[in-house]
Amino acid sequence: MDATKLLLLFNLFIFLNLDPTFSDSSNVPIGIHPLDEKYFASEVINCKDGSKSFTRDRINDEFCDCVDGTDEPGTSACPTAKFYCRNAGSSPRFLFSSRVNDQICDCCDGSDEYDGSIICPNTCVMGGHTEYKTLNYGSRINRFGSHGTKHKRVGFNSEDTIQKLQGLKGLIVVQVILIAFLVFLCQSRWRATSRRRNPR
């Protein structure tokens, strides 16, 4: 075999293994939970809400085919889609797909920033989701001005804010219930001790 053909085959092999929309372990699209791998294995896949079906090649194609975001777990095309961070060495978690490729390292393994516009160090083994978000690990291209890359507008994400506010509301309700329970216990104890002191 000619050396040029061998080099071409080697480069093709490397390119296919480095395709950013698929994970390294198998032919599973990025952002999918391991329990959903069988769901996405067939050639024609139904949206999880049952509204439509789509072919496998339309997963993570930057176009929202399903209202529920089933077809876009690894891109920010669907506002309701969820991205699965494997976070090997730490605890896995889901995040909104709007946080994928937003130049902020949300997953401690850096899997949510696969487009190469920012370098996210793998901090999973070092303690999980540490505050590496604030540090700028941008590439040299982005510091000096990029050519041919898309710029995303960073703005207000109402879904994330609503989710955070609902979480805070639940936390406040739990705290109020706990405080009311503690007040009830203190009053009961005070009444019990006052009855022992002043028997009628």
N, C-alpha and C. Protein backbone atom coordinates (compact mmCIF):
# COMPACT_ATOMS: atom_id res chain seq x y z
N MET A 1 0.84 -1.18 0.00
CA MET A 1 0.00 0.00 0.00
C MET A 1 0.89 1.24 0.00
N ASP A 2 0.49 2.23 -0.72
CA ASP A 2 1.23 3.47 -0.83
C ASP A 2 1.19 4.22 0.51
N ALA A 3 2.25 4.92 0.84
CA ALA A 3 2.34 5.65 2.11
C ALA A 3 1.28 6.75 2.18
N THR A 4 0.95 7.37 1.04
CA THR A 4 -0.06 8.42 1.02
C THR A 4 -1.44 7.85 1.36
N LYS A 5 -1.76 6.68 0.79
CA LYS A 5 -3.04 6.04 1.09
C LYS A 5 -3.12 5.63 2.55
N LEU A 6 -2.01 5.12 3.07
CA LEU A 6 -1.97 4.72 4.47
C LEU A 6 -2.19 5.93 5.39
N LEU A 7 -1.54 7.04 5.06
CA LEU A 7 -1.71 8.27 5.84
C LEU A 7 -3.15 8.78 5.74
N LEU A 8 -3.75 8.67 4.55
CA LEU A 8 -5.13 9.10 4.36
C LEU A 8 -6.09 8.24 5.18
N LEU A 9 -5.88 6.94 5.19
CA LEU A 9 -6.71 6.05 6.00
C LEU A 9 -6.55 6.33 7.49
N PHE A 10 -5.32 6.60 7.91
CA PHE A 10 -5.07 6.92 9.31
C PHE A 10 -5.79 8.20 9.71
N ASN A 11 -5.72 9.24 8.87
CA ASN A 11 -6.40 10.50 9.15
C ASN A 11 -7.92 10.33 9.18
N LEU A 12 -8.45 9.49 8.29
CA LEU A 12 -9.88 9.21 8.28
C LEU A 12 -10.30 8.51 9.57
N PHE A 13 -9.50 7.56 10.02
CA PHE A 13 -9.77 6.86 11.27
C PHE A 13 -9.78 7.83 12.45
N ILE A 14 -8.79 8.71 12.51
CA ILE A 14 -8.71 9.71 13.59
C ILE A 14 -9.92 10.64 13.53
N PHE A 15 -10.30 11.10 12.34
CA PHE A 15 -11.43 12.01 12.19
C PHE A 15 -12.73 11.37 12.68
N LEU A 16 -12.94 10.12 12.31
CA LEU A 16 -14.17 9.44 12.72
C LEU A 16 -14.23 9.23 14.23
N ASN A 17 -13.09 9.03 14.85
CA ASN A 17 -13.06 8.83 16.30
C ASN A 17 -13.18 10.13 17.07
N LEU A 18 -12.91 11.26 16.43
CA LEU A 18 -12.97 12.55 17.12
C LEU A 18 -14.24 13.32 16.79
N ASP A 19 -15.23 12.69 16.18
CA ASP A 19 -16.48 13.37 15.86
C ASP A 19 -17.12 13.86 17.16
N PRO A 20 -17.31 15.19 17.34
CA PRO A 20 -17.77 15.72 18.62
C PRO A 20 -19.21 15.40 18.98
N THR A 21 -20.04 14.99 18.03
CA THR A 21 -21.43 14.71 18.37
C THR A 21 -21.64 13.31 18.91
N PHE A 22 -20.60 12.50 18.92
CA PHE A 22 -20.70 11.14 19.45
C PHE A 22 -19.69 10.95 20.55
N SER A 23 -20.05 10.17 21.55
CA SER A 23 -19.15 9.90 22.66
C SER A 23 -18.11 8.90 22.25
N ASP A 24 -17.03 8.78 23.05
CA ASP A 24 -15.94 7.91 22.69
C ASP A 24 -16.23 6.44 22.98
N SER A 25 -17.12 6.13 23.89
CA SER A 25 -17.33 4.74 24.27
C SER A 25 -18.05 3.94 23.19
N SER A 26 -18.97 4.52 22.49
CA SER A 26 -19.71 3.80 21.45
C SER A 26 -20.26 4.81 20.47
N ASN A 27 -21.22 4.38 19.68
CA ASN A 27 -21.81 5.26 18.68
C ASN A 27 -23.03 5.97 19.25
N VAL A 28 -22.94 6.40 20.49
CA VAL A 28 -24.04 7.06 21.19
C VAL A 28 -23.86 8.57 21.09
N PRO A 29 -24.89 9.30 20.66
CA PRO A 29 -24.78 10.75 20.59
C PRO A 29 -24.49 11.37 21.96
N ILE A 30 -23.80 12.47 21.94
CA ILE A 30 -23.40 13.14 23.18
C ILE A 30 -24.62 13.74 23.87
N GLY A 31 -24.61 13.72 25.19
CA GLY A 31 -25.68 14.31 25.98
C GLY A 31 -26.81 13.36 26.34
N ILE A 32 -26.66 12.07 26.01
CA ILE A 32 -27.72 11.10 26.27
C ILE A 32 -27.37 10.25 27.49
N HIS A 33 -28.34 10.05 28.35
CA HIS A 33 -28.18 9.22 29.54
C HIS A 33 -27.92 7.77 29.11
N PRO A 34 -27.04 7.04 29.81
CA PRO A 34 -26.75 5.64 29.43
C PRO A 34 -27.99 4.75 29.38
N LEU A 35 -28.99 5.02 30.20
CA LEU A 35 -30.21 4.21 30.16
C LEU A 35 -31.05 4.47 28.91
N ASP A 36 -30.80 5.59 28.23
CA ASP A 36 -31.52 5.92 27.00
C ASP A 36 -30.80 5.47 25.74
N GLU A 37 -29.65 4.80 25.87
CA GLU A 37 -28.89 4.40 24.69
C GLU A 37 -29.69 3.46 23.79
N LYS A 38 -30.44 2.54 24.37
CA LYS A 38 -31.26 1.62 23.57
C LYS A 38 -32.38 2.38 22.86
N TYR A 39 -32.91 3.41 23.52
CA TYR A 39 -33.98 4.21 22.93
C TYR A 39 -33.50 4.90 21.65
N PHE A 40 -32.24 5.35 21.64
CA PHE A 40 -31.68 6.06 20.50
C PHE A 40 -30.93 5.13 19.53
N ALA A 41 -30.98 3.81 19.74
CA ALA A 41 -30.22 2.88 18.91
C ALA A 41 -30.89 2.60 17.57
N SER A 42 -32.20 2.71 17.48
CA SER A 42 -32.88 2.38 16.23
C SER A 42 -32.68 3.49 15.20
N GLU A 43 -32.99 3.18 13.95
CA GLU A 43 -32.80 4.14 12.86
C GLU A 43 -33.88 5.21 12.87
N VAL A 44 -35.11 4.86 13.25
CA VAL A 44 -36.20 5.83 13.37
C VAL A 44 -36.57 5.90 14.85
N ILE A 45 -36.55 7.12 15.39
CA ILE A 45 -36.75 7.34 16.82
C ILE A 45 -37.97 8.22 17.02
N ASN A 46 -38.80 7.88 17.97
CA ASN A 46 -39.97 8.69 18.31
C ASN A 46 -39.58 9.74 19.34
N CYS A 47 -40.21 10.91 19.23
CA CYS A 47 -40.05 11.91 20.27
C CYS A 47 -40.64 11.33 21.55
N LYS A 48 -40.07 11.69 22.70
CA LYS A 48 -40.55 11.11 23.96
C LYS A 48 -41.97 11.55 24.29
N ASP A 49 -42.41 12.68 23.75
CA ASP A 49 -43.79 13.09 23.97
C ASP A 49 -44.76 12.45 22.97
N GLY A 50 -44.23 11.67 22.01
CA GLY A 50 -45.05 10.95 21.04
C GLY A 50 -45.57 11.79 19.89
N SER A 51 -45.12 13.03 19.76
CA SER A 51 -45.67 13.91 18.74
C SER A 51 -45.14 13.62 17.34
N LYS A 52 -43.89 13.19 17.21
CA LYS A 52 -43.26 12.97 15.90
C LYS A 52 -42.29 11.82 15.99
N SER A 53 -41.70 11.52 14.84
CA SER A 53 -40.56 10.61 14.80
C SER A 53 -39.51 11.23 13.88
N PHE A 54 -38.27 10.83 14.06
CA PHE A 54 -37.16 11.38 13.28
C PHE A 54 -36.13 10.29 13.07
N THR A 55 -35.26 10.50 12.08
CA THR A 55 -34.21 9.52 11.81
C THR A 55 -33.00 9.81 12.68
N ARG A 56 -32.19 8.80 12.85
CA ARG A 56 -31.02 8.89 13.74
C ARG A 56 -30.05 9.99 13.32
N ASP A 57 -29.95 10.26 12.02
CA ASP A 57 -29.01 11.28 11.57
C ASP A 57 -29.44 12.70 11.93
N ARG A 58 -30.65 12.86 12.46
CA ARG A 58 -31.13 14.19 12.85
C ARG A 58 -30.90 14.49 14.33
N ILE A 59 -30.24 13.58 15.04
CA ILE A 59 -29.89 13.84 16.44
C ILE A 59 -28.74 14.84 16.46
N ASN A 60 -28.86 15.85 17.29
CA ASN A 60 -27.83 16.89 17.48
C ASN A 60 -27.46 17.58 16.17
N ASP A 61 -28.46 17.88 15.32
CA ASP A 61 -28.19 18.56 14.06
C ASP A 61 -28.48 20.06 14.13
N GLU A 62 -28.61 20.60 15.35
CA GLU A 62 -28.87 22.03 15.59
C GLU A 62 -30.25 22.47 15.08
N PHE A 63 -31.18 21.54 14.89
CA PHE A 63 -32.55 21.89 14.51
C PHE A 63 -33.50 21.11 15.41
N CYS A 64 -34.41 21.80 16.04
CA CYS A 64 -35.32 21.19 17.00
C CYS A 64 -36.51 20.56 16.27
N ASP A 65 -36.46 19.22 16.11
CA ASP A 65 -37.55 18.49 15.47
C ASP A 65 -38.66 18.16 16.46
N CYS A 66 -38.31 17.83 17.68
CA CYS A 66 -39.28 17.45 18.72
C CYS A 66 -39.53 18.64 19.64
N VAL A 67 -40.78 18.82 20.01
CA VAL A 67 -41.13 19.91 20.92
C VAL A 67 -40.46 19.72 22.28
N ASP A 68 -40.35 18.46 22.71
CA ASP A 68 -39.75 18.18 24.02
C ASP A 68 -38.22 18.14 23.99
N GLY A 69 -37.61 18.29 22.82
CA GLY A 69 -36.15 18.34 22.73
C GLY A 69 -35.46 16.99 22.71
N THR A 70 -36.20 15.92 22.44
CA THR A 70 -35.62 14.58 22.43
C THR A 70 -34.47 14.47 21.43
N ASP A 71 -34.59 15.13 20.28
CA ASP A 71 -33.61 14.99 19.22
C ASP A 71 -32.38 15.88 19.40
N GLU A 72 -32.36 16.77 20.37
CA GLU A 72 -31.24 17.71 20.53
C GLU A 72 -30.69 17.71 21.96
N PRO A 73 -30.24 16.58 22.49
CA PRO A 73 -29.68 16.60 23.84
C PRO A 73 -28.29 17.23 23.90
N GLY A 74 -27.58 17.24 22.78
CA GLY A 74 -26.21 17.74 22.78
C GLY A 74 -26.02 19.10 22.16
N THR A 75 -27.10 19.80 21.84
CA THR A 75 -27.00 21.15 21.29
C THR A 75 -27.96 22.06 22.05
N SER A 76 -27.88 23.34 21.76
CA SER A 76 -28.76 24.30 22.43
C SER A 76 -29.95 24.68 21.55
N ALA A 77 -30.29 23.84 20.57
CA ALA A 77 -31.37 24.17 19.64
C ALA A 77 -32.75 24.15 20.28
N CYS A 78 -32.99 23.22 21.20
CA CYS A 78 -34.31 23.10 21.83
C CYS A 78 -34.27 23.64 23.26
N PRO A 79 -35.14 24.56 23.61
CA PRO A 79 -35.10 25.14 24.96
C PRO A 79 -35.48 24.17 26.07
N THR A 80 -36.23 23.11 25.75
CA THR A 80 -36.66 22.18 26.79
C THR A 80 -35.79 20.94 26.89
N ALA A 81 -34.78 20.81 26.05
CA ALA A 81 -33.94 19.61 26.05
C ALA A 81 -33.01 19.59 27.26
N LYS A 82 -32.62 18.39 27.66
CA LYS A 82 -31.70 18.20 28.79
C LYS A 82 -30.43 17.52 28.30
N PHE A 83 -29.29 17.97 28.79
CA PHE A 83 -27.98 17.41 28.47
C PHE A 83 -27.51 16.59 29.67
N TYR A 84 -27.00 15.40 29.41
CA TYR A 84 -26.53 14.53 30.49
C TYR A 84 -25.02 14.63 30.60
N CYS A 85 -24.54 15.08 31.75
CA CYS A 85 -23.10 15.11 32.05
C CYS A 85 -22.74 13.79 32.71
N ARG A 86 -21.84 13.03 32.11
CA ARG A 86 -21.43 11.75 32.70
C ARG A 86 -20.59 11.99 33.95
N ASN A 87 -19.72 12.98 33.94
CA ASN A 87 -18.91 13.36 35.10
C ASN A 87 -18.23 12.16 35.75
N ALA A 88 -17.49 11.39 34.98
CA ALA A 88 -16.79 10.21 35.50
C ALA A 88 -15.84 10.64 36.62
N GLY A 89 -15.97 10.04 37.78
CA GLY A 89 -15.18 10.41 38.95
C GLY A 89 -15.94 11.30 39.90
N SER A 90 -17.13 11.73 39.51
CA SER A 90 -17.97 12.58 40.35
C SER A 90 -19.42 12.14 40.12
N SER A 91 -20.36 12.95 40.55
CA SER A 91 -21.76 12.56 40.37
C SER A 91 -22.30 13.10 39.04
N PRO A 92 -22.95 12.24 38.25
CA PRO A 92 -23.52 12.70 36.99
C PRO A 92 -24.71 13.61 37.25
N ARG A 93 -25.05 14.43 36.24
CA ARG A 93 -26.19 15.33 36.41
C ARG A 93 -26.74 15.77 35.06
N PHE A 94 -27.96 16.28 35.08
CA PHE A 94 -28.59 16.84 33.89
C PHE A 94 -28.49 18.36 33.98
N LEU A 95 -28.39 19.00 32.82
CA LEU A 95 -28.49 20.45 32.77
C LEU A 95 -29.25 20.83 31.51
N PHE A 96 -29.77 22.04 31.48
CA PHE A 96 -30.49 22.50 30.30
C PHE A 96 -29.54 22.52 29.12
N SER A 97 -30.03 22.09 27.95
CA SER A 97 -29.20 22.07 26.75
C SER A 97 -28.81 23.48 26.32
N SER A 98 -29.49 24.49 26.82
CA SER A 98 -29.09 25.86 26.50
C SER A 98 -27.72 26.20 27.07
N ARG A 99 -27.24 25.38 27.99
CA ARG A 99 -25.92 25.60 28.58
C ARG A 99 -24.81 24.86 27.83
N VAL A 100 -25.15 24.16 26.76
CA VAL A 100 -24.16 23.44 25.97
C VAL A 100 -23.45 24.42 25.03
N ASN A 101 -22.14 24.35 25.00
CA ASN A 101 -21.30 25.21 24.15
C ASN A 101 -21.57 26.70 24.37
N ASP A 102 -21.77 27.09 25.63
CA ASP A 102 -21.99 28.49 25.97
C ASP A 102 -20.74 29.14 26.55
N GLN A 103 -19.61 28.45 26.47
CA GLN A 103 -18.30 28.90 26.94
C GLN A 103 -18.24 29.01 28.46
N ILE A 104 -19.06 28.25 29.15
CA ILE A 104 -19.00 28.11 30.60
C ILE A 104 -18.98 26.62 30.91
N CYS A 105 -18.00 26.18 31.66
CA CYS A 105 -17.84 24.76 31.98
C CYS A 105 -18.83 24.37 33.07
N ASP A 106 -19.96 23.80 32.67
CA ASP A 106 -20.98 23.38 33.63
C ASP A 106 -20.75 21.95 34.12
N CYS A 107 -20.31 21.06 33.24
CA CYS A 107 -20.00 19.67 33.62
C CYS A 107 -18.56 19.63 34.10
N CYS A 108 -18.30 18.90 35.18
CA CYS A 108 -16.93 18.88 35.68
C CYS A 108 -15.98 18.13 34.75
N ASP A 109 -16.52 17.31 33.84
CA ASP A 109 -15.65 16.64 32.87
C ASP A 109 -15.49 17.45 31.58
N GLY A 110 -16.17 18.58 31.48
CA GLY A 110 -16.04 19.45 30.32
C GLY A 110 -16.81 18.98 29.10
N SER A 111 -17.65 17.97 29.24
CA SER A 111 -18.34 17.40 28.08
C SER A 111 -19.38 18.34 27.47
N ASP A 112 -19.82 19.35 28.21
CA ASP A 112 -20.80 20.28 27.66
C ASP A 112 -20.18 21.33 26.75
N GLU A 113 -18.87 21.40 26.69
CA GLU A 113 -18.18 22.38 25.84
C GLU A 113 -17.32 21.64 24.82
N TYR A 114 -17.95 20.87 23.95
CA TYR A 114 -17.22 20.03 23.02
C TYR A 114 -16.88 20.71 21.71
N ASP A 115 -17.35 21.93 21.45
CA ASP A 115 -17.09 22.56 20.16
C ASP A 115 -15.68 23.13 20.02
N GLY A 116 -14.91 23.12 21.09
CA GLY A 116 -13.52 23.57 21.03
C GLY A 116 -13.32 25.06 21.22
N SER A 117 -14.38 25.82 21.46
CA SER A 117 -14.23 27.26 21.64
C SER A 117 -13.67 27.61 23.01
N ILE A 118 -13.71 26.66 23.93
CA ILE A 118 -13.16 26.86 25.27
C ILE A 118 -12.60 25.52 25.74
N ILE A 119 -11.55 25.56 26.53
CA ILE A 119 -10.94 24.35 27.05
C ILE A 119 -11.37 24.20 28.50
N CYS A 120 -12.09 23.14 28.79
CA CYS A 120 -12.55 22.88 30.15
C CYS A 120 -11.72 21.74 30.74
N PRO A 121 -10.97 22.01 31.81
CA PRO A 121 -10.21 20.92 32.42
C PRO A 121 -11.15 19.95 33.13
N ASN A 122 -10.77 18.69 33.17
CA ASN A 122 -11.57 17.68 33.87
C ASN A 122 -11.29 17.82 35.36
N THR A 123 -12.26 18.35 36.09
CA THR A 123 -12.12 18.57 37.53
C THR A 123 -12.91 17.57 38.35
N CYS A 124 -13.45 16.53 37.71
CA CYS A 124 -14.30 15.57 38.42
C CYS A 124 -13.55 14.87 39.55
N VAL A 125 -12.33 14.45 39.31
CA VAL A 125 -11.58 13.72 40.32
C VAL A 125 -11.09 14.66 41.41
N MET A 126 -10.92 15.94 41.08
CA MET A 126 -10.41 16.91 42.05
C MET A 126 -11.49 17.43 42.98
N GLY A 127 -12.66 16.88 42.96
CA GLY A 127 -13.69 17.34 43.89
C GLY A 127 -14.96 17.73 43.22
N GLY A 128 -15.11 17.42 41.96
CA GLY A 128 -16.37 17.66 41.29
C GLY A 128 -16.50 19.03 40.71
N HIS A 129 -17.64 19.61 40.92
CA HIS A 129 -18.03 20.84 40.25
C HIS A 129 -17.46 22.06 40.99
N THR A 130 -16.15 22.25 40.90
CA THR A 130 -15.53 23.39 41.57
C THR A 130 -15.69 24.64 40.73
N GLU A 131 -15.28 25.73 41.27
CA GLU A 131 -15.51 27.02 40.62
C GLU A 131 -14.48 27.32 39.55
N TYR A 132 -14.31 26.40 38.61
CA TYR A 132 -13.45 26.66 37.46
C TYR A 132 -14.20 27.45 36.41
N LYS A 133 -15.48 27.70 36.63
CA LYS A 133 -16.28 28.42 35.66
C LYS A 133 -15.77 29.84 35.45
N THR A 134 -15.33 30.47 36.52
CA THR A 134 -14.98 31.87 36.43
C THR A 134 -13.64 32.10 35.74
N LEU A 135 -12.80 31.07 35.69
CA LEU A 135 -11.53 31.23 35.02
C LEU A 135 -11.72 31.15 33.52
N ASN A 136 -10.94 31.90 32.78
CA ASN A 136 -11.07 31.92 31.34
C ASN A 136 -10.11 30.91 30.74
N TYR A 137 -10.65 29.80 30.27
CA TYR A 137 -9.84 28.80 29.59
C TYR A 137 -10.07 28.88 28.09
N GLY A 138 -10.32 30.09 27.59
CA GLY A 138 -10.59 30.27 26.17
C GLY A 138 -9.38 29.95 25.32
N SER A 139 -9.65 29.55 24.11
CA SER A 139 -8.54 29.23 23.21
C SER A 139 -7.91 30.49 22.67
N ARG A 140 -6.76 30.35 22.09
CA ARG A 140 -6.01 31.47 21.56
C ARG A 140 -6.80 32.16 20.45
N ILE A 141 -7.54 31.39 19.68
CA ILE A 141 -8.34 31.95 18.58
C ILE A 141 -9.38 32.92 19.13
N ASN A 142 -10.04 32.55 20.20
CA ASN A 142 -11.09 33.41 20.74
C ASN A 142 -10.54 34.67 21.38
N ARG A 143 -9.32 34.61 21.91
CA ARG A 143 -8.75 35.80 22.53
C ARG A 143 -8.39 36.85 21.50
N PHE A 144 -7.97 36.42 20.33
CA PHE A 144 -7.52 37.36 19.32
C PHE A 144 -8.56 37.62 18.24
N GLY A 145 -9.75 37.13 18.43
CA GLY A 145 -10.81 37.31 17.44
C GLY A 145 -10.93 36.07 16.58
N SER A 146 -12.12 35.53 16.52
CA SER A 146 -12.29 34.28 15.78
C SER A 146 -12.78 34.56 14.38
N HIS A 147 -12.45 33.65 13.50
CA HIS A 147 -12.88 33.75 12.12
C HIS A 147 -13.71 32.53 11.80
N GLY A 148 -14.93 32.74 11.35
CA GLY A 148 -15.77 31.64 10.92
C GLY A 148 -16.46 30.88 12.04
N THR A 149 -16.34 31.35 13.27
CA THR A 149 -17.05 30.67 14.35
C THR A 149 -18.29 31.48 14.70
N LYS A 150 -19.28 30.80 15.18
CA LYS A 150 -20.51 31.49 15.52
C LYS A 150 -20.42 32.09 16.92
N HIS A 151 -20.96 33.27 17.07
CA HIS A 151 -20.98 33.93 18.37
C HIS A 151 -22.38 33.83 18.92
N LYS A 152 -22.49 33.39 20.12
CA LYS A 152 -23.79 33.29 20.76
C LYS A 152 -23.97 34.49 21.69
N ARG A 153 -25.17 35.00 21.68
CA ARG A 153 -25.49 36.13 22.54
C ARG A 153 -25.75 35.59 23.93
N VAL A 154 -25.01 36.13 24.88
CA VAL A 154 -25.22 35.73 26.26
C VAL A 154 -26.30 36.64 26.82
N GLY A 155 -27.34 36.06 27.34
CA GLY A 155 -28.44 36.88 27.83
C GLY A 155 -29.18 36.21 28.96
N PHE A 156 -30.35 36.67 29.18
CA PHE A 156 -31.21 36.23 30.27
C PHE A 156 -31.92 34.95 29.85
N ASN A 157 -31.76 33.90 30.62
CA ASN A 157 -32.44 32.64 30.33
C ASN A 157 -33.56 32.47 31.34
N SER A 158 -34.78 32.67 30.89
CA SER A 158 -35.92 32.67 31.81
C SER A 158 -36.21 31.30 32.40
N GLU A 159 -35.97 30.22 31.63
CA GLU A 159 -36.25 28.88 32.16
C GLU A 159 -35.36 28.55 33.35
N ASP A 160 -34.08 28.87 33.24
CA ASP A 160 -33.17 28.61 34.35
C ASP A 160 -33.58 29.43 35.57
N THR A 161 -33.95 30.68 35.35
CA THR A 161 -34.35 31.54 36.46
C THR A 161 -35.62 31.02 37.12
N ILE A 162 -36.58 30.58 36.32
CA ILE A 162 -37.82 30.04 36.88
C ILE A 162 -37.54 28.80 37.69
N GLN A 163 -36.67 27.93 37.17
CA GLN A 163 -36.33 26.71 37.90
C GLN A 163 -35.64 27.04 39.22
N LYS A 164 -34.74 28.01 39.22
CA LYS A 164 -34.05 28.40 40.45
C LYS A 164 -35.03 29.01 41.46
N LEU A 165 -35.94 29.84 40.97
CA LEU A 165 -36.92 30.46 41.86
C LEU A 165 -37.86 29.42 42.47
N GLN A 166 -38.26 28.42 41.67
CA GLN A 166 -39.11 27.36 42.21
C GLN A 166 -38.36 26.56 43.27
N GLY A 167 -37.08 26.33 43.05
CA GLY A 167 -36.27 25.63 44.06
C GLY A 167 -36.16 26.44 45.34
N LEU A 168 -35.96 27.75 45.21
CA LEU A 168 -35.89 28.62 46.39
C LEU A 168 -37.23 28.67 47.12
N LYS A 169 -38.32 28.70 46.36
CA LYS A 169 -39.65 28.72 46.97
C LYS A 169 -39.87 27.46 47.80
N GLY A 170 -39.50 26.32 47.24
CA GLY A 170 -39.62 25.06 47.98
C GLY A 170 -38.78 25.05 49.23
N LEU A 171 -37.57 25.60 49.14
CA LEU A 171 -36.67 25.66 50.29
C LEU A 171 -37.26 26.55 51.38
N ILE A 172 -37.84 27.68 51.00
CA ILE A 172 -38.44 28.59 51.98
C ILE A 172 -39.64 27.91 52.67
N VAL A 173 -40.45 27.19 51.91
CA VAL A 173 -41.60 26.49 52.49
C VAL A 173 -41.13 25.46 53.51
N VAL A 174 -40.09 24.71 53.17
CA VAL A 174 -39.56 23.71 54.10
C VAL A 174 -39.02 24.38 55.36
N GLN A 175 -38.34 25.51 55.21
CA GLN A 175 -37.81 26.23 56.37
C GLN A 175 -38.93 26.74 57.27
N VAL A 176 -39.99 27.28 56.68
CA VAL A 176 -41.12 27.78 57.47
C VAL A 176 -41.77 26.63 58.24
N ILE A 177 -41.93 25.48 57.59
CA ILE A 177 -42.51 24.32 58.28
C ILE A 177 -41.62 23.88 59.43
N LEU A 178 -40.32 23.84 59.22
CA LEU A 178 -39.39 23.44 60.29
C LEU A 178 -39.43 24.43 61.45
N ILE A 179 -39.47 25.72 61.16
CA ILE A 179 -39.52 26.73 62.22
C ILE A 179 -40.82 26.60 63.01
N ALA A 180 -41.95 26.40 62.30
CA ALA A 180 -43.23 26.23 62.99
C ALA A 180 -43.20 24.99 63.88
N PHE A 181 -42.60 23.91 63.41
CA PHE A 181 -42.49 22.69 64.20
C PHE A 181 -41.63 22.92 65.44
N LEU A 182 -40.51 23.65 65.29
CA LEU A 182 -39.65 23.95 66.43
C LEU A 182 -40.37 24.83 67.46
N VAL A 183 -41.13 25.81 66.99
CA VAL A 183 -41.90 26.66 67.91
C VAL A 183 -42.92 25.82 68.66
N PHE A 184 -43.60 24.92 67.97
CA PHE A 184 -44.56 24.02 68.60
C PHE A 184 -43.89 23.15 69.66
N LEU A 185 -42.72 22.60 69.35
CA LEU A 185 -41.99 21.78 70.32
C LEU A 185 -41.57 22.60 71.54
N CYS A 186 -41.09 23.81 71.31
CA CYS A 186 -40.67 24.66 72.44
C CYS A 186 -41.86 25.01 73.32
N GLN A 187 -43.01 25.33 72.72
CA GLN A 187 -44.20 25.65 73.51
C GLN A 187 -44.68 24.43 74.29
N SER A 188 -44.65 23.28 73.67
CA SER A 188 -45.08 22.05 74.36
C SER A 188 -44.17 21.77 75.54
N ARG A 189 -42.90 21.95 75.37
CA ARG A 189 -41.96 21.70 76.46
C ARG A 189 -42.16 22.72 77.58
N TRP A 190 -42.36 23.97 77.20
CA TRP A 190 -42.57 25.02 78.20
C TRP A 190 -43.84 24.73 79.01
N ARG A 191 -44.91 24.31 78.34
CA ARG A 191 -46.16 23.98 79.03
C ARG A 191 -45.97 22.79 79.96
N ALA A 192 -45.23 21.80 79.49
CA ALA A 192 -45.00 20.60 80.32
C ALA A 192 -44.20 20.96 81.57
N THR A 193 -43.18 21.79 81.43
CA THR A 193 -42.39 22.16 82.61
C THR A 193 -43.17 23.08 83.53
N SER A 194 -44.02 23.95 82.99
CA SER A 194 -44.82 24.83 83.85
C SER A 194 -45.90 24.04 84.59
N ARG A 195 -46.43 22.98 84.02
CA ARG A 195 -47.41 22.14 84.70
C ARG A 195 -46.77 21.38 85.85
N ARG A 196 -45.51 20.96 85.65
CA ARG A 196 -44.82 20.24 86.73
C ARG A 196 -44.54 21.18 87.90
N ARG A 197 -44.26 22.43 87.63
CA ARG A 197 -43.96 23.39 88.69
C ARG A 197 -45.23 23.80 89.44
N ASN A 198 -46.29 24.01 88.72
CA ASN A 198 -47.54 24.49 89.31
C ASN A 198 -48.65 23.45 89.12
N PRO A 199 -48.67 22.41 89.91
CA PRO A 199 -49.75 21.43 89.77
C PRO A 199 -51.05 22.03 90.26
N ARG A 200 -52.15 21.71 89.67
CA ARG A 200 -53.45 22.28 90.04
C ARG A 200 -54.21 21.39 90.91
